[in-house]
Protein backbone atom coordinates (compact mmCIF):
# COMPACT_ATOMS: atom_id res chain seq x y z
CA MET A 1 41.02 -8.35 0.10
CA ALA A 2 43.18 -11.45 -1.40
CA ILE A 3 45.14 -12.75 1.68
CA ILE A 4 48.93 -12.57 1.03
CA SER A 5 50.64 -15.49 3.01
CA LYS A 6 54.18 -15.07 4.91
CA GLU A 7 56.31 -16.72 2.48
CA ASP A 8 54.34 -13.77 -0.27
CA ALA A 9 54.84 -10.72 2.15
CA LYS A 10 58.49 -12.11 2.48
CA ARG A 11 58.96 -12.34 -1.12
CA ALA A 12 57.95 -8.45 -1.32
CA LEU A 13 59.49 -6.87 1.91
CA SER A 14 63.20 -9.06 0.19
CA ASP A 15 65.77 -7.83 -2.64
CA VAL A 16 65.28 -8.58 -5.87
CA ASP A 17 67.06 -9.67 -8.08
CA SER A 18 70.42 -7.38 -8.87
CA ASN A 19 68.48 -7.54 -12.82
CA HIS A 20 66.09 -5.56 -12.34
CA VAL A 21 66.66 -3.22 -9.46
CA PHE A 22 65.08 -0.29 -10.32
CA TRP A 23 67.48 2.45 -11.66
CA VAL A 24 66.14 5.65 -10.68
CA CYS A 25 67.25 8.76 -13.02
CA ASN A 26 69.86 10.05 -10.70
CA GLY A 27 70.96 7.32 -10.56
CA GLN A 28 70.40 6.28 -7.17
CA VAL A 29 69.30 2.28 -7.33
CA LEU A 30 66.62 1.04 -5.11
CA LYS A 31 66.54 -2.94 -4.44
CA ASN A 32 63.78 -3.08 -2.44
CA ILE A 33 60.43 -1.19 -1.51
CA LYS A 34 61.99 -0.36 2.34
CA GLN A 35 63.90 1.89 0.29
CA LEU A 36 61.44 3.87 -1.70
CA PRO A 37 60.23 5.98 1.46
CA ALA A 38 63.13 7.44 1.94
CA ALA A 39 64.32 7.52 -1.46
CA MET A 40 61.34 9.64 -2.00
CA LYS A 41 61.79 12.01 0.74
CA LYS A 42 64.96 12.71 -0.56
CA MET A 43 64.03 12.92 -3.92
CA LYS A 44 64.28 16.43 -6.35
CA LYS A 45 60.75 17.13 -7.78
CA GLU A 46 62.33 17.44 -11.74
CA VAL A 47 63.68 13.26 -10.98
CA PHE A 48 60.03 12.59 -9.29
CA GLU A 49 58.51 13.68 -11.85
CA HIS A 50 60.20 12.19 -14.72
CA HIS A 51 59.25 8.90 -12.97
CA VAL A 52 55.70 9.52 -12.00
CA ASN A 53 53.71 11.94 -14.62
CA LYS A 54 50.28 11.92 -16.52
CA GLU A 55 52.19 9.01 -18.70
CA LYS A 56 53.25 6.20 -16.27
CA ASN A 57 54.38 5.59 -13.07
CA ASP A 58 57.79 3.86 -13.14
CA PHE A 59 57.55 2.83 -9.05
CA ALA A 60 54.81 1.40 -10.23
CA SER A 61 55.46 -0.60 -12.41
CA TRP A 62 58.49 -1.57 -11.13
CA ILE A 63 56.20 -2.92 -8.01
CA ASN A 64 54.01 -4.51 -10.03
CA ASP A 65 56.10 -6.03 -12.65
CA ILE A 66 58.98 -7.35 -10.57
CA VAL A 67 58.13 -7.52 -6.56
CA LYS A 68 55.14 -8.89 -7.45
CA ASP A 69 53.18 -6.55 -5.60
CA THR A 70 49.77 -6.15 -6.70
CA LYS A 71 47.99 -4.29 -4.10
CA LEU A 72 51.03 -1.72 -3.63
CA ALA A 73 51.31 -1.49 -7.62
CA ALA A 74 47.47 -0.79 -8.05
CA ASP A 75 47.76 1.64 -4.74
CA LEU A 76 50.36 3.53 -6.44
CA LYS A 77 49.34 4.13 -9.85
CA LYS A 78 46.40 5.93 -8.12
CA VAL A 79 48.62 8.51 -6.45
CA LYS A 80 50.43 11.39 -8.41
CA ASP A 81 52.53 13.39 -5.66
CA LYS A 82 55.18 12.09 -3.40
CA LYS A 83 53.81 12.06 -0.03
CA GLY A 84 50.58 10.15 -1.16
CA ILE A 85 53.31 6.79 -2.39
CA ILE A 86 55.52 7.04 0.93
CA LYS A 87 52.52 7.04 2.43
CA LYS A 88 51.05 4.06 1.06
CA ALA A 89 54.22 2.60 0.70
CA ALA A 90 55.12 3.03 4.36
CA ASP A 91 51.47 1.48 5.08
CA ARG A 92 51.99 -1.36 2.99
CA ILE A 93 55.55 -1.79 4.65
CA LYS A 94 54.39 -1.93 8.06
CA PHE A 95 51.78 -4.33 6.64
CA LEU A 96 53.86 -7.08 5.23
CA GLU A 97 56.24 -6.87 8.18
CA LYS A 98 53.50 -7.95 10.39
CA LYS A 99 52.43 -10.61 7.68
CA ALA A 100 56.50 -11.74 7.26
CA LYS A 101 56.55 -12.48 11.10
């Protein structure tokens, strides 16, 4: 298990650059990983399936490439349902928030 610094935890929790926000296909915009669980809870099934299916997981890709949290990205790639993504994201956010203190 990789050790994460306080600075890396803070960076993972903070807003991404405005050019790198996640545009959900329903028009919603995610600026940080803390917004992901709430967005997932409200997301319609067809919107979710547009971003997460057999071919891809756009949320995992965004978290890996833009947020730079490879651990959360790897965890999300293994999950194909909204509840699983909400749980993995919420657990990781809780962990990062403790590390960022």
